């Protein structure tokens, strides 16, 4: 299995590099995420979706799921959204989009949501301005360079209708000293080996630890979201092992 060398910091944020990384991980990503987080990744997605502020009187809702992966957030969305709601799922990894489309087809007869999957860049989608009631993103923010936080926040602002809600969540590095060291060791040493056992490339899963360590927490992205004009509320999950931002585009 090839070893990934990413000397300049900007290389690991290169879109082509990130796309290839997730294409290669697509076959085992969901299982590895769930197992290595001891199921907490599912809980954090649910908490992130629960942080959305949705109009209870609206008959249907349109949601953009940016960097959607394989559609792991849709079950939580179904529990929150009224029947007839539409989820526009976006990812720029062709392999992830393929698996997301298959997932949507499997769920078609068992869900009240209409899910449409498209291969797009989450920083520059094709959807019209103010066309979404809500925007979510789970575990994709860490793969953006800090310079791209502003572009991502601006795209969320552009997509939301006035009064619309957003929620993003990301695996993070806890501040508490007694948890930080073993957590980073687990990310760097254990997860790559679990990835190998589940037929993934350990180097790919080692990169997830690199992204998480560099990212830190959603606190670093918060200023970009506020500068874009969004009202922001921070969230911390399980002692900082995950963090999030939620809020609205002012009416």
Protein backbone atom coordinates (compact mmCIF):
# COMPACT_ATOMS: atom_id res chain seq x y z
CA UNK A 1 0.00 0.00 0.00
CA UNK A 2 1.37 3.41 -0.91
CA UNK A 3 2.60 5.85 1.71
CA UNK A 4 1.24 9.37 1.37
CA UNK A 5 3.82 12.14 1.54
CA UNK A 6 2.33 15.57 2.16
CA UNK A 7 5.24 17.87 2.89
CA UNK A 8 3.83 21.33 2.11
CA UNK A 9 0.81 22.08 4.29
CA UNK A 10 -1.25 23.10 1.28
CA UNK A 11 -0.77 19.71 -0.43
CA UNK A 12 -3.06 17.83 1.95
CA UNK A 13 -5.81 20.37 1.25
CA UNK A 14 -5.45 20.13 -2.51
CA UNK A 15 -8.90 19.15 -3.87
CA UNK A 16 -7.48 16.43 -6.10
CA UNK A 17 -5.61 14.88 -3.16
CA UNK A 18 -8.69 14.98 -0.89
CA UNK A 19 -10.93 13.57 -3.65
CA UNK A 20 -8.60 10.64 -4.25
CA UNK A 21 -8.30 10.03 -0.50
CA UNK A 22 -12.05 9.67 -0.05
CA UNK A 23 -12.49 7.71 -3.27
CA UNK A 24 -10.06 5.15 -1.88
CA UNK A 25 -11.70 5.09 1.57
CA UNK A 26 -15.27 4.86 0.28
CA UNK A 27 -15.49 1.09 0.67
CA UNK A 28 -14.74 1.07 4.40
CA UNK A 29 -15.21 4.67 5.58
CA UNK A 30 -18.64 4.34 7.19
CA UNK A 31 -17.81 1.13 9.06
CA UNK A 32 -14.41 2.41 10.23
CA UNK A 33 -15.92 5.70 11.40
CA UNK A 34 -18.60 3.98 13.44
CA UNK A 35 -16.32 1.37 14.98
CA UNK A 36 -13.37 3.63 15.75
CA UNK A 37 -15.61 6.25 17.38
CA UNK A 38 -17.35 3.52 19.42
CA UNK A 39 -20.61 4.67 17.85
CA UNK A 40 -20.17 8.28 18.90
CA UNK A 41 -20.03 9.45 15.26
CA UNK A 42 -23.69 8.45 14.93
CA UNK A 43 -24.58 10.30 18.12
CA UNK A 44 -22.68 13.41 17.00
CA UNK A 45 -24.49 13.45 13.66
CA UNK A 46 -27.81 13.19 15.49
CA UNK A 47 -26.84 16.03 17.81
CA UNK A 48 -25.74 18.16 14.90
CA UNK A 49 -29.04 17.68 13.07
CA UNK A 50 -30.91 18.35 16.31
CA UNK A 51 -29.15 21.73 16.51
CA UNK A 52 -30.96 22.93 13.37
CA UNK A 53 -33.64 25.55 14.01
CA UNK A 54 -36.50 24.53 11.72
CA UNK A 55 -39.91 26.16 11.23
CA UNK A 56 -42.43 23.65 12.65
CA UNK A 57 -45.22 25.09 10.49
CA UNK A 58 -43.43 24.71 7.18
CA UNK A 59 -45.01 21.86 5.15
CA UNK A 60 -41.75 20.80 3.54
CA UNK A 61 -38.12 21.72 3.88
CA UNK A 62 -35.17 21.82 1.48
CA UNK A 63 -31.82 20.90 3.01
CA UNK A 64 -28.32 20.92 1.52
CA UNK A 65 -26.11 18.14 2.89
CA UNK A 66 -22.63 19.39 1.98
CA UNK A 67 -19.73 16.92 1.85
CA UNK A 68 -22.43 14.30 2.40
CA UNK A 69 -20.20 11.21 2.24
CA UNK A 70 -22.43 8.17 1.91
CA UNK A 71 -25.51 9.84 3.36
CA UNK A 72 -24.88 8.91 6.98
CA UNK A 73 -26.87 11.94 8.23
CA UNK A 74 -30.10 11.16 6.40
CA UNK A 75 -31.60 8.93 9.09
CA UNK A 76 -31.28 11.78 11.60
CA UNK A 77 -32.73 14.24 9.06
CA UNK A 78 -35.74 12.01 8.44
CA UNK A 79 -36.58 12.19 12.14
CA UNK A 80 -36.55 16.01 12.05
CA UNK A 81 -38.04 16.92 8.67
CA UNK A 82 -41.71 16.87 7.62
CA UNK A 83 -42.83 14.47 4.86
CA UNK A 84 -42.05 15.70 1.37
CA UNK A 85 -38.84 17.43 2.35
CA UNK A 86 -35.94 17.39 -0.10
CA UNK A 87 -32.28 16.70 0.71
CA UNK A 88 -29.77 17.93 -1.85
CA UNK A 89 -26.71 15.79 -1.08
CA UNK A 90 -23.37 17.08 -2.40
CA UNK A 91 -19.93 15.51 -2.44
CA UNK A 92 -16.99 15.92 -4.81
CA UNK A 93 -15.76 12.33 -4.45
CA UNK A 94 -17.23 10.25 -7.31
CA UNK A 95 -16.95 7.05 -5.26
CA UNK A 96 -18.71 8.60 -2.27
CA UNK A 97 -21.44 9.97 -4.55
CA UNK A 98 -21.91 6.52 -6.05
CA UNK A 99 -22.37 4.97 -2.64
CA UNK A 100 -24.62 7.81 -1.51
CA UNK A 101 -26.81 7.36 -4.61
CA UNK A 102 -27.04 3.61 -3.91
CA UNK A 103 -27.93 4.38 -0.29
CA UNK A 104 -30.66 6.80 -1.43
CA UNK A 105 -32.08 4.18 -3.81
CA UNK A 106 -32.16 1.56 -1.04
CA UNK A 107 -34.02 3.95 1.29
CA UNK A 108 -36.43 5.25 -1.35
CA UNK A 109 -39.31 3.01 -0.29
CA UNK A 110 -38.69 3.46 3.43
CA UNK A 111 -38.38 7.23 3.85
CA UNK A 112 -40.56 10.31 3.58
CA UNK A 113 -37.60 12.31 2.24
CA UNK A 114 -36.66 12.90 -1.37
CA UNK A 115 -32.86 12.65 -1.68
CA UNK A 116 -30.95 13.89 -4.71
CA UNK A 117 -27.22 13.24 -4.93
CA UNK A 118 -24.91 15.34 -7.09
CA UNK A 119 -21.15 15.45 -7.56
CA UNK A 120 -20.22 19.04 -6.76
CA UNK A 121 -17.71 21.17 -4.90
CA UNK A 122 -19.25 22.20 -1.56
CA UNK A 123 -17.45 25.55 -1.84
CA UNK A 124 -19.20 26.40 -5.10
CA UNK A 125 -22.49 24.58 -5.63
CA UNK A 126 -24.92 25.09 -8.49
CA UNK A 127 -27.97 25.75 -6.32
CA UNK A 128 -29.65 29.18 -6.54
CA UNK A 129 -29.22 31.86 -3.89
CA UNK A 130 -31.48 31.56 -0.83
CA UNK A 131 -32.81 28.21 -2.04
CA UNK A 132 -32.29 26.16 1.16
CA UNK A 133 -34.12 26.13 4.45
CA UNK A 134 -31.18 24.42 6.14
CA UNK A 135 -27.59 23.38 5.45
CA UNK A 136 -25.69 20.63 7.25
CA UNK A 137 -22.14 19.31 7.04
CA UNK A 138 -20.84 16.41 9.14
CA UNK A 139 -17.12 15.60 9.36
CA UNK A 140 -16.04 17.44 6.23
CA UNK A 141 -14.80 20.75 7.59
CA UNK A 142 -11.39 19.42 8.68
CA UNK A 143 -10.41 18.68 5.07
CA UNK A 144 -10.68 22.37 4.16
CA UNK A 145 -7.70 24.63 4.57
CA UNK A 146 -8.17 27.50 7.06
CA UNK A 147 -8.13 29.84 4.07
CA UNK A 148 -11.22 28.04 2.71
CA UNK A 149 -13.32 28.45 5.85
CA UNK A 150 -14.44 31.86 4.61
CA UNK A 151 -15.47 30.45 1.21
CA UNK A 152 -17.39 27.64 2.84
CA UNK A 153 -19.18 29.95 5.27
CA UNK A 154 -20.02 32.35 2.42
CA UNK A 155 -21.50 29.46 0.42
CA UNK A 156 -23.66 28.42 3.37
CA UNK A 157 -24.85 32.02 3.75
CA UNK A 158 -25.60 32.23 0.01
CA UNK A 159 -27.61 29.00 0.01
CA UNK A 160 -29.74 29.78 3.06
CA UNK A 161 -32.96 31.73 2.78
CA UNK A 162 -33.21 34.55 5.33
CA UNK A 163 -34.04 32.88 8.64
CA UNK A 164 -32.64 29.55 7.41
CA UNK A 165 -30.55 27.37 9.72
CA UNK A 166 -27.20 25.60 9.45
CA UNK A 167 -25.27 23.07 11.51
CA UNK A 168 -21.76 21.71 11.05
CA UNK A 169 -19.92 19.21 13.23
CA UNK A 170 -16.40 17.86 13.21
CA UNK A 171 -14.15 15.45 15.08
CA UNK A 172 -11.87 17.63 17.19
CA UNK A 173 -8.92 17.62 19.57
CA UNK A 174 -10.07 17.89 23.21
CA UNK A 175 -8.56 20.62 25.37
CA UNK A 176 -8.34 18.56 28.56
CA UNK A 177 -4.76 17.35 29.02
CA UNK A 178 -5.78 13.96 30.44
CA UNK A 179 -7.78 13.18 27.28
CA UNK A 180 -5.77 15.00 24.61
CA UNK A 181 -2.64 12.79 24.62
CA UNK A 182 -4.39 9.38 24.56
CA UNK A 183 -6.90 10.70 22.01
CA UNK A 184 -4.17 11.82 19.61
CA UNK A 185 -2.32 8.52 20.12
CA UNK A 186 -5.53 6.69 19.25
CA UNK A 187 -6.01 8.78 16.09
CA UNK A 188 -2.43 8.33 14.92
CA UNK A 189 -1.73 4.73 15.91
CA UNK A 190 -4.88 2.71 16.42
CA UNK A 191 -7.28 3.95 13.74
CA UNK A 192 -4.87 3.26 10.83
CA UNK A 193 -4.50 -0.35 11.98
CA UNK A 194 -8.26 -0.76 12.31
CA UNK A 195 -8.54 0.63 8.80
CA UNK A 196 -6.16 -2.05 7.57
CA UNK A 197 -8.17 -4.81 9.28
CA UNK A 198 -11.30 -3.58 7.52
CA UNK A 199 -9.59 -3.67 4.10
CA UNK A 200 -8.76 0.01 4.05
CA UNK A 201 -5.37 1.59 3.40
CA UNK A 202 -3.89 2.48 6.82
CA UNK A 203 -2.15 5.49 5.28
CA UNK A 204 -5.51 6.93 4.28
CA UNK A 205 -6.84 6.61 7.81
CA UNK A 206 -3.62 8.02 9.20
CA UNK A 207 -4.42 11.13 7.16
CA UNK A 208 -7.70 11.55 9.03
CA UNK A 209 -5.63 11.92 12.20
CA UNK A 210 -3.42 14.48 10.45
CA UNK A 211 -6.47 16.50 9.40
CA UNK A 212 -8.00 16.34 12.88
CA UNK A 213 -4.79 17.41 14.62
CA UNK A 214 -4.34 20.34 12.22
CA UNK A 215 -8.00 21.34 12.49
CA UNK A 216 -8.16 21.49 16.27
CA UNK A 217 -11.81 22.40 16.75
CA UNK A 218 -14.67 24.32 15.19
CA UNK A 219 -13.68 27.32 17.31
CA UNK A 220 -11.03 28.11 14.68
CA UNK A 221 -13.67 28.30 11.95
CA UNK A 222 -16.19 30.33 13.94
CA UNK A 223 -14.78 33.77 13.03
CA UNK A 224 -15.18 32.98 9.31
CA UNK A 225 -18.84 32.01 9.81
CA UNK A 226 -19.54 35.18 11.76
CA UNK A 227 -17.71 37.32 9.19
CA UNK A 228 -19.94 35.79 6.49
CA UNK A 229 -22.95 37.24 8.30
CA UNK A 230 -24.21 34.12 10.07
CA UNK A 231 -25.40 34.06 13.67
CA UNK A 232 -23.36 31.32 15.35
CA UNK A 233 -23.72 29.12 18.43
CA UNK A 234 -20.79 26.81 19.33
CA UNK A 235 -21.25 23.23 20.55
CA UNK A 236 -18.95 20.80 22.34
CA UNK A 237 -19.58 17.05 22.39
CA UNK A 238 -18.04 14.44 24.70
CA UNK A 239 -15.38 16.61 26.38
CA UNK A 240 -14.37 18.21 23.05
CA UNK A 241 -13.79 15.02 21.02
CA UNK A 242 -16.20 16.64 18.58
CA UNK A 243 -17.32 20.24 18.21
CA UNK A 244 -19.89 22.02 16.15
CA UNK A 245 -21.31 25.33 14.99
CA UNK A 246 -24.97 26.02 14.39
CA UNK A 247 -27.03 29.09 13.75
CA UNK A 248 -29.03 31.05 11.22
CA UNK A 249 -28.85 33.52 8.40
CA UNK A 250 -30.53 36.58 9.91
CA UNK A 251 -33.99 37.30 8.52
